[in-house]
Amino acid sequence: MIDRMHFAAVAALLAAISFPVGAADPGHTQAGIASYYHDSLHGNKTASGQVYDKRKMSAAHKTLPLGSEVRVTELDSGKSIVVRVNDRGPFIKGRVIDLSRRAAQELGIIKKGITRVKVEVLSVPVGRGA
């Protein structure tokens, strides 16, 4: 059985290997469903090695380089937030990003749980080419 730390490392490696050319370029957009982390994950380590803090603005994405900054726009309201990707996921079909609790609150989706969003890449870490 694989533990959470090893799973995150394998997921990050697979994402790095399969990352589509150009998809991490600033301006690239992706549409799909956003969800947010359950409170029980508060305090767990993320794929980046940081500890997940539900009170901070962060997110999980399957393939964007860790440290990427993205704008998430809720399509029904047009409201946007900016978060930094520090974890991998979500691993549910159709979902493109998992938000921290604070990010979900700022976006106004706590009651909905999930919502349709557009994710726009604003920046990627220096030294990471697409």
N, C-alpha and C. Protein backbone atom coordinates (compact mmCIF):
# COMPACT_ATOMS: atom_id res chain seq x y z
N MET A 1 0.85 -1.19 0.00
CA MET A 1 0.00 0.00 0.00
C MET A 1 0.88 1.24 0.00
N ILE A 2 0.47 2.23 -0.74
CA ILE A 2 1.24 3.46 -0.86
C ILE A 2 0.70 4.52 0.11
N ASP A 3 1.59 5.17 0.84
CA ASP A 3 1.12 6.21 1.77
C ASP A 3 0.93 7.53 1.03
N ARG A 4 0.31 8.49 1.71
CA ARG A 4 -0.05 9.78 1.08
C ARG A 4 1.17 10.51 0.53
N MET A 5 2.28 10.49 1.27
CA MET A 5 3.47 11.20 0.83
C MET A 5 4.00 10.61 -0.48
N HIS A 6 4.09 9.29 -0.56
CA HIS A 6 4.59 8.66 -1.77
C HIS A 6 3.61 8.84 -2.93
N PHE A 7 2.31 8.79 -2.64
CA PHE A 7 1.31 9.02 -3.68
C PHE A 7 1.47 10.40 -4.28
N ALA A 8 1.66 11.42 -3.43
CA ALA A 8 1.83 12.80 -3.91
C ALA A 8 3.08 12.91 -4.78
N ALA A 9 4.17 12.25 -4.38
CA ALA A 9 5.40 12.30 -5.15
C ALA A 9 5.23 11.65 -6.52
N VAL A 10 4.56 10.50 -6.55
CA VAL A 10 4.32 9.81 -7.82
C VAL A 10 3.39 10.65 -8.70
N ALA A 11 2.34 11.24 -8.12
CA ALA A 11 1.42 12.08 -8.88
C ALA A 11 2.15 13.27 -9.48
N ALA A 12 3.03 13.90 -8.70
CA ALA A 12 3.79 15.05 -9.19
C ALA A 12 4.71 14.64 -10.34
N LEU A 13 5.36 13.51 -10.21
CA LEU A 13 6.25 13.02 -11.26
C LEU A 13 5.47 12.72 -12.54
N LEU A 14 4.35 12.05 -12.42
CA LEU A 14 3.53 11.75 -13.60
C LEU A 14 3.01 13.03 -14.25
N ALA A 15 2.63 13.99 -13.44
CA ALA A 15 2.14 15.26 -13.99
C ALA A 15 3.24 15.97 -14.75
N ALA A 16 4.45 15.94 -14.21
CA ALA A 16 5.58 16.61 -14.87
C ALA A 16 5.91 15.93 -16.20
N ILE A 17 5.81 14.63 -16.24
CA ILE A 17 6.11 13.89 -17.46
C ILE A 17 5.06 14.13 -18.53
N SER A 18 3.78 14.20 -18.13
CA SER A 18 2.70 14.27 -19.10
C SER A 18 2.18 15.68 -19.34
N PHE A 19 2.86 16.70 -18.86
CA PHE A 19 2.36 18.06 -18.98
C PHE A 19 2.35 18.51 -20.42
N PRO A 20 1.19 18.93 -20.95
CA PRO A 20 1.11 19.32 -22.36
C PRO A 20 1.89 20.60 -22.66
N VAL A 21 2.56 20.62 -23.79
CA VAL A 21 3.36 21.77 -24.19
C VAL A 21 2.45 22.99 -24.31
N GLY A 22 2.88 24.13 -23.72
CA GLY A 22 2.14 25.37 -23.81
C GLY A 22 1.05 25.56 -22.77
N ALA A 23 0.65 24.49 -22.09
CA ALA A 23 -0.46 24.58 -21.14
C ALA A 23 -0.09 25.34 -19.87
N ALA A 24 1.21 25.52 -19.62
CA ALA A 24 1.62 26.26 -18.43
C ALA A 24 2.02 27.68 -18.77
N ASP A 25 1.87 28.06 -20.02
CA ASP A 25 2.22 29.42 -20.41
C ASP A 25 1.23 30.41 -19.82
N PRO A 26 1.72 31.55 -19.33
CA PRO A 26 0.79 32.59 -18.87
C PRO A 26 -0.23 32.91 -19.96
N GLY A 27 -1.48 33.02 -19.55
CA GLY A 27 -2.57 33.28 -20.48
C GLY A 27 -3.34 32.03 -20.85
N HIS A 28 -2.74 30.85 -20.66
CA HIS A 28 -3.45 29.60 -20.95
C HIS A 28 -4.66 29.50 -20.03
N THR A 29 -5.80 29.06 -20.57
CA THR A 29 -7.00 28.90 -19.76
C THR A 29 -7.52 27.47 -19.84
N GLN A 30 -8.27 27.12 -18.82
CA GLN A 30 -8.89 25.80 -18.73
C GLN A 30 -10.24 25.99 -18.06
N ALA A 31 -11.26 25.33 -18.56
CA ALA A 31 -12.59 25.40 -17.96
C ALA A 31 -12.94 24.06 -17.35
N GLY A 32 -13.72 24.08 -16.28
CA GLY A 32 -14.14 22.85 -15.64
C GLY A 32 -14.80 23.15 -14.31
N ILE A 33 -14.75 22.16 -13.45
CA ILE A 33 -15.41 22.26 -12.14
C ILE A 33 -14.36 22.46 -11.05
N ALA A 34 -14.65 23.41 -10.16
CA ALA A 34 -13.82 23.63 -8.97
C ALA A 34 -14.55 23.07 -7.76
N SER A 35 -13.77 22.56 -6.84
CA SER A 35 -14.27 22.12 -5.55
C SER A 35 -13.33 22.68 -4.50
N TYR A 36 -13.55 22.33 -3.24
CA TYR A 36 -12.61 22.79 -2.22
C TYR A 36 -12.31 21.69 -1.23
N TYR A 37 -11.14 21.83 -0.59
CA TYR A 37 -10.64 20.85 0.36
C TYR A 37 -11.55 20.71 1.56
N HIS A 38 -11.72 19.49 2.01
CA HIS A 38 -12.46 19.24 3.24
C HIS A 38 -11.62 19.72 4.43
N ASP A 39 -12.27 20.24 5.45
CA ASP A 39 -11.56 20.76 6.62
C ASP A 39 -10.66 19.72 7.29
N SER A 40 -10.97 18.44 7.12
CA SER A 40 -10.16 17.39 7.76
C SER A 40 -8.74 17.34 7.21
N LEU A 41 -8.49 17.96 6.06
CA LEU A 41 -7.15 17.95 5.47
C LEU A 41 -6.27 19.07 6.01
N HIS A 42 -6.85 19.99 6.79
CA HIS A 42 -6.09 21.08 7.40
C HIS A 42 -4.92 20.50 8.21
N GLY A 43 -3.72 20.97 7.93
CA GLY A 43 -2.54 20.50 8.64
C GLY A 43 -1.78 19.40 7.95
N ASN A 44 -2.34 18.80 6.90
CA ASN A 44 -1.63 17.76 6.16
C ASN A 44 -0.62 18.38 5.20
N LYS A 45 0.42 17.63 4.87
CA LYS A 45 1.40 18.11 3.90
C LYS A 45 0.83 18.05 2.50
N THR A 46 1.18 19.05 1.69
CA THR A 46 0.79 19.09 0.28
C THR A 46 1.92 18.51 -0.57
N ALA A 47 1.67 18.36 -1.86
CA ALA A 47 2.69 17.83 -2.78
C ALA A 47 3.93 18.70 -2.82
N SER A 48 3.78 20.00 -2.53
CA SER A 48 4.92 20.92 -2.54
C SER A 48 5.75 20.81 -1.27
N GLY A 49 5.24 20.08 -0.29
CA GLY A 49 5.92 19.98 1.01
C GLY A 49 5.39 20.97 2.02
N GLN A 50 4.60 21.95 1.56
CA GLN A 50 3.99 22.90 2.49
C GLN A 50 2.86 22.21 3.24
N VAL A 51 2.52 22.76 4.39
CA VAL A 51 1.39 22.26 5.16
C VAL A 51 0.14 22.98 4.68
N TYR A 52 -0.92 22.21 4.42
CA TYR A 52 -2.18 22.81 3.98
C TYR A 52 -2.78 23.61 5.13
N ASP A 53 -3.06 24.87 4.86
CA ASP A 53 -3.71 25.76 5.83
C ASP A 53 -4.99 26.26 5.19
N LYS A 54 -6.12 25.84 5.73
CA LYS A 54 -7.41 26.21 5.15
C LYS A 54 -7.68 27.71 5.17
N ARG A 55 -6.90 28.45 5.96
CA ARG A 55 -7.09 29.91 6.07
C ARG A 55 -6.28 30.69 5.04
N LYS A 56 -5.49 29.99 4.22
CA LYS A 56 -4.66 30.66 3.21
C LYS A 56 -5.22 30.41 1.82
N MET A 57 -4.82 31.27 0.89
CA MET A 57 -5.27 31.17 -0.50
C MET A 57 -4.34 30.22 -1.26
N SER A 58 -4.80 28.99 -1.48
CA SER A 58 -4.00 28.02 -2.21
C SER A 58 -4.91 27.09 -2.99
N ALA A 59 -4.30 26.23 -3.80
CA ALA A 59 -5.09 25.33 -4.64
C ALA A 59 -4.29 24.10 -5.03
N ALA A 60 -5.02 23.10 -5.48
CA ALA A 60 -4.43 21.88 -6.05
C ALA A 60 -4.84 21.81 -7.51
N HIS A 61 -3.87 21.45 -8.36
CA HIS A 61 -4.13 21.26 -9.79
C HIS A 61 -3.38 20.00 -10.22
N LYS A 62 -3.94 19.27 -11.18
CA LYS A 62 -3.34 18.01 -11.59
C LYS A 62 -1.99 18.16 -12.27
N THR A 63 -1.84 19.21 -13.11
CA THR A 63 -0.66 19.25 -13.97
C THR A 63 0.15 20.54 -13.93
N LEU A 64 -0.42 21.65 -13.51
CA LEU A 64 0.36 22.89 -13.50
C LEU A 64 1.55 22.77 -12.56
N PRO A 65 2.68 23.37 -12.91
CA PRO A 65 3.84 23.31 -12.02
C PRO A 65 3.50 23.87 -10.64
N LEU A 66 3.98 23.19 -9.62
CA LEU A 66 3.79 23.68 -8.26
C LEU A 66 4.41 25.06 -8.16
N GLY A 67 3.71 25.99 -7.53
CA GLY A 67 4.17 27.36 -7.43
C GLY A 67 3.55 28.27 -8.47
N SER A 68 2.80 27.69 -9.43
CA SER A 68 2.11 28.51 -10.43
C SER A 68 1.05 29.37 -9.76
N GLU A 69 0.85 30.55 -10.30
CA GLU A 69 -0.21 31.43 -9.82
C GLU A 69 -1.30 31.46 -10.88
N VAL A 70 -2.55 31.27 -10.44
CA VAL A 70 -3.68 31.22 -11.38
C VAL A 70 -4.82 32.11 -10.90
N ARG A 71 -5.58 32.61 -11.88
CA ARG A 71 -6.82 33.33 -11.58
C ARG A 71 -7.95 32.35 -11.81
N VAL A 72 -8.81 32.20 -10.80
CA VAL A 72 -9.98 31.32 -10.90
C VAL A 72 -11.21 32.21 -10.95
N THR A 73 -11.99 32.07 -12.01
CA THR A 73 -13.20 32.87 -12.18
C THR A 73 -14.42 31.96 -12.14
N GLU A 74 -15.33 32.25 -11.22
CA GLU A 74 -16.58 31.51 -11.10
C GLU A 74 -17.47 31.98 -12.26
N LEU A 75 -17.89 31.06 -13.12
CA LEU A 75 -18.55 31.44 -14.37
C LEU A 75 -19.95 32.01 -14.17
N ASP A 76 -20.68 31.59 -13.14
CA ASP A 76 -22.03 32.11 -12.94
C ASP A 76 -22.01 33.56 -12.46
N SER A 77 -21.09 33.89 -11.55
CA SER A 77 -21.07 35.24 -10.96
C SER A 77 -20.04 36.17 -11.60
N GLY A 78 -19.02 35.59 -12.24
CA GLY A 78 -17.93 36.40 -12.79
C GLY A 78 -16.90 36.79 -11.75
N LYS A 79 -17.08 36.37 -10.51
CA LYS A 79 -16.14 36.71 -9.43
C LYS A 79 -14.84 35.92 -9.62
N SER A 80 -13.70 36.60 -9.36
CA SER A 80 -12.38 35.98 -9.53
C SER A 80 -11.54 36.08 -8.28
N ILE A 81 -10.65 35.12 -8.12
CA ILE A 81 -9.64 35.12 -7.06
C ILE A 81 -8.32 34.70 -7.68
N VAL A 82 -7.23 34.95 -6.97
CA VAL A 82 -5.90 34.50 -7.40
C VAL A 82 -5.35 33.58 -6.32
N VAL A 83 -4.88 32.41 -6.74
CA VAL A 83 -4.31 31.43 -5.81
C VAL A 83 -3.01 30.88 -6.37
N ARG A 84 -2.21 30.31 -5.47
CA ARG A 84 -0.97 29.64 -5.86
C ARG A 84 -1.18 28.14 -5.74
N VAL A 85 -0.75 27.39 -6.75
CA VAL A 85 -0.86 25.94 -6.76
C VAL A 85 0.25 25.35 -5.90
N ASN A 86 -0.13 24.62 -4.85
CA ASN A 86 0.87 23.99 -3.99
C ASN A 86 0.59 22.51 -3.75
N ASP A 87 -0.39 21.95 -4.48
CA ASP A 87 -0.74 20.54 -4.27
C ASP A 87 -1.25 19.94 -5.56
N ARG A 88 -1.39 18.62 -5.58
CA ARG A 88 -1.92 17.88 -6.73
C ARG A 88 -3.35 17.46 -6.46
N GLY A 89 -4.14 17.44 -7.51
CA GLY A 89 -5.54 17.06 -7.43
C GLY A 89 -6.33 18.07 -8.23
N PRO A 90 -7.58 18.02 -8.25
CA PRO A 90 -8.44 16.96 -7.69
C PRO A 90 -8.40 15.72 -8.58
N PHE A 91 -8.72 14.59 -8.00
CA PHE A 91 -8.67 13.33 -8.74
C PHE A 91 -10.06 12.78 -8.99
N ILE A 92 -11.00 13.69 -9.26
CA ILE A 92 -12.37 13.32 -9.61
C ILE A 92 -12.62 13.84 -11.03
N LYS A 93 -13.11 12.98 -11.89
CA LYS A 93 -13.33 13.32 -13.30
C LYS A 93 -14.13 14.61 -13.44
N GLY A 94 -13.64 15.49 -14.32
CA GLY A 94 -14.32 16.75 -14.60
C GLY A 94 -13.89 17.91 -13.71
N ARG A 95 -13.27 17.63 -12.61
CA ARG A 95 -12.81 18.70 -11.72
C ARG A 95 -11.41 19.11 -12.13
N VAL A 96 -11.19 20.43 -12.20
CA VAL A 96 -9.91 20.93 -12.67
C VAL A 96 -9.08 21.57 -11.57
N ILE A 97 -9.71 21.97 -10.46
CA ILE A 97 -8.96 22.62 -9.39
C ILE A 97 -9.68 22.42 -8.06
N ASP A 98 -8.90 22.21 -7.01
CA ASP A 98 -9.39 22.16 -5.63
C ASP A 98 -8.88 23.42 -4.94
N LEU A 99 -9.77 24.13 -4.30
CA LEU A 99 -9.41 25.38 -3.62
C LEU A 99 -9.33 25.18 -2.12
N SER A 100 -8.50 25.98 -1.47
CA SER A 100 -8.50 26.00 -0.01
C SER A 100 -9.85 26.55 0.45
N ARG A 101 -10.18 26.32 1.70
CA ARG A 101 -11.45 26.81 2.23
C ARG A 101 -11.56 28.33 2.09
N ARG A 102 -10.47 29.04 2.42
CA ARG A 102 -10.51 30.50 2.31
C ARG A 102 -10.75 30.94 0.87
N ALA A 103 -10.07 30.29 -0.08
CA ALA A 103 -10.25 30.64 -1.48
C ALA A 103 -11.69 30.38 -1.92
N ALA A 104 -12.27 29.27 -1.47
CA ALA A 104 -13.66 28.96 -1.79
C ALA A 104 -14.60 30.01 -1.19
N GLN A 105 -14.30 30.46 0.03
CA GLN A 105 -15.12 31.51 0.66
C GLN A 105 -15.03 32.80 -0.14
N GLU A 106 -13.80 33.19 -0.52
CA GLU A 106 -13.60 34.42 -1.28
C GLU A 106 -14.33 34.36 -2.63
N LEU A 107 -14.39 33.16 -3.22
CA LEU A 107 -15.07 32.98 -4.50
C LEU A 107 -16.59 32.86 -4.32
N GLY A 108 -17.01 32.61 -3.08
CA GLY A 108 -18.44 32.52 -2.79
C GLY A 108 -19.07 31.18 -3.13
N ILE A 109 -18.30 30.09 -2.99
CA ILE A 109 -18.83 28.78 -3.39
C ILE A 109 -18.99 27.80 -2.23
N ILE A 110 -18.85 28.24 -1.02
CA ILE A 110 -18.94 27.33 0.13
C ILE A 110 -20.28 26.59 0.13
N LYS A 111 -21.38 27.29 -0.04
CA LYS A 111 -22.69 26.63 -0.01
C LYS A 111 -22.91 25.71 -1.20
N LYS A 112 -22.39 26.09 -2.36
CA LYS A 112 -22.53 25.26 -3.56
C LYS A 112 -21.70 23.98 -3.47
N GLY A 113 -20.49 24.09 -2.92
CA GLY A 113 -19.58 22.95 -2.86
C GLY A 113 -18.73 22.80 -4.09
N ILE A 114 -19.36 22.83 -5.26
CA ILE A 114 -18.63 22.79 -6.53
C ILE A 114 -19.25 23.84 -7.44
N THR A 115 -18.48 24.28 -8.43
CA THR A 115 -18.99 25.28 -9.37
C THR A 115 -18.18 25.26 -10.66
N ARG A 116 -18.75 25.80 -11.71
CA ARG A 116 -18.06 25.91 -13.00
C ARG A 116 -17.11 27.11 -12.95
N VAL A 117 -15.87 26.88 -13.39
CA VAL A 117 -14.86 27.94 -13.35
C VAL A 117 -14.03 27.97 -14.62
N LYS A 118 -13.34 29.09 -14.77
CA LYS A 118 -12.26 29.22 -15.75
C LYS A 118 -11.00 29.44 -14.94
N VAL A 119 -9.95 28.70 -15.26
CA VAL A 119 -8.65 28.84 -14.61
C VAL A 119 -7.69 29.43 -15.62
N GLU A 120 -7.08 30.57 -15.28
CA GLU A 120 -6.13 31.23 -16.18
C GLU A 120 -4.76 31.26 -15.53
N VAL A 121 -3.75 30.77 -16.23
CA VAL A 121 -2.38 30.78 -15.72
C VAL A 121 -1.86 32.21 -15.77
N LEU A 122 -1.44 32.72 -14.60
CA LEU A 122 -0.85 34.06 -14.52
C LEU A 122 0.66 34.01 -14.55
N SER A 123 1.23 33.02 -13.84
CA SER A 123 2.69 32.88 -13.81
C SER A 123 3.05 31.46 -13.41
N VAL A 124 4.26 31.06 -13.81
CA VAL A 124 4.82 29.76 -13.41
C VAL A 124 6.16 30.03 -12.77
N PRO A 125 6.65 29.13 -11.95
CA PRO A 125 7.94 29.36 -11.29
C PRO A 125 9.08 29.57 -12.30
N VAL A 126 10.00 30.42 -11.97
CA VAL A 126 11.16 30.67 -12.81
C VAL A 126 11.94 29.38 -13.01
N GLY A 127 12.39 29.16 -14.24
CA GLY A 127 13.16 27.95 -14.52
C GLY A 127 12.30 26.80 -14.97
N ARG A 128 10.98 26.98 -14.97
CA ARG A 128 10.08 25.92 -15.42
C ARG A 128 9.58 26.27 -16.80
N GLY A 129 10.10 25.63 -17.81
CA GLY A 129 9.62 25.89 -19.17
C GLY A 129 8.47 24.97 -19.51
N ALA A 130 7.62 25.43 -20.40
CA ALA A 130 6.49 24.59 -20.82
C ALA A 130 6.85 23.83 -22.08
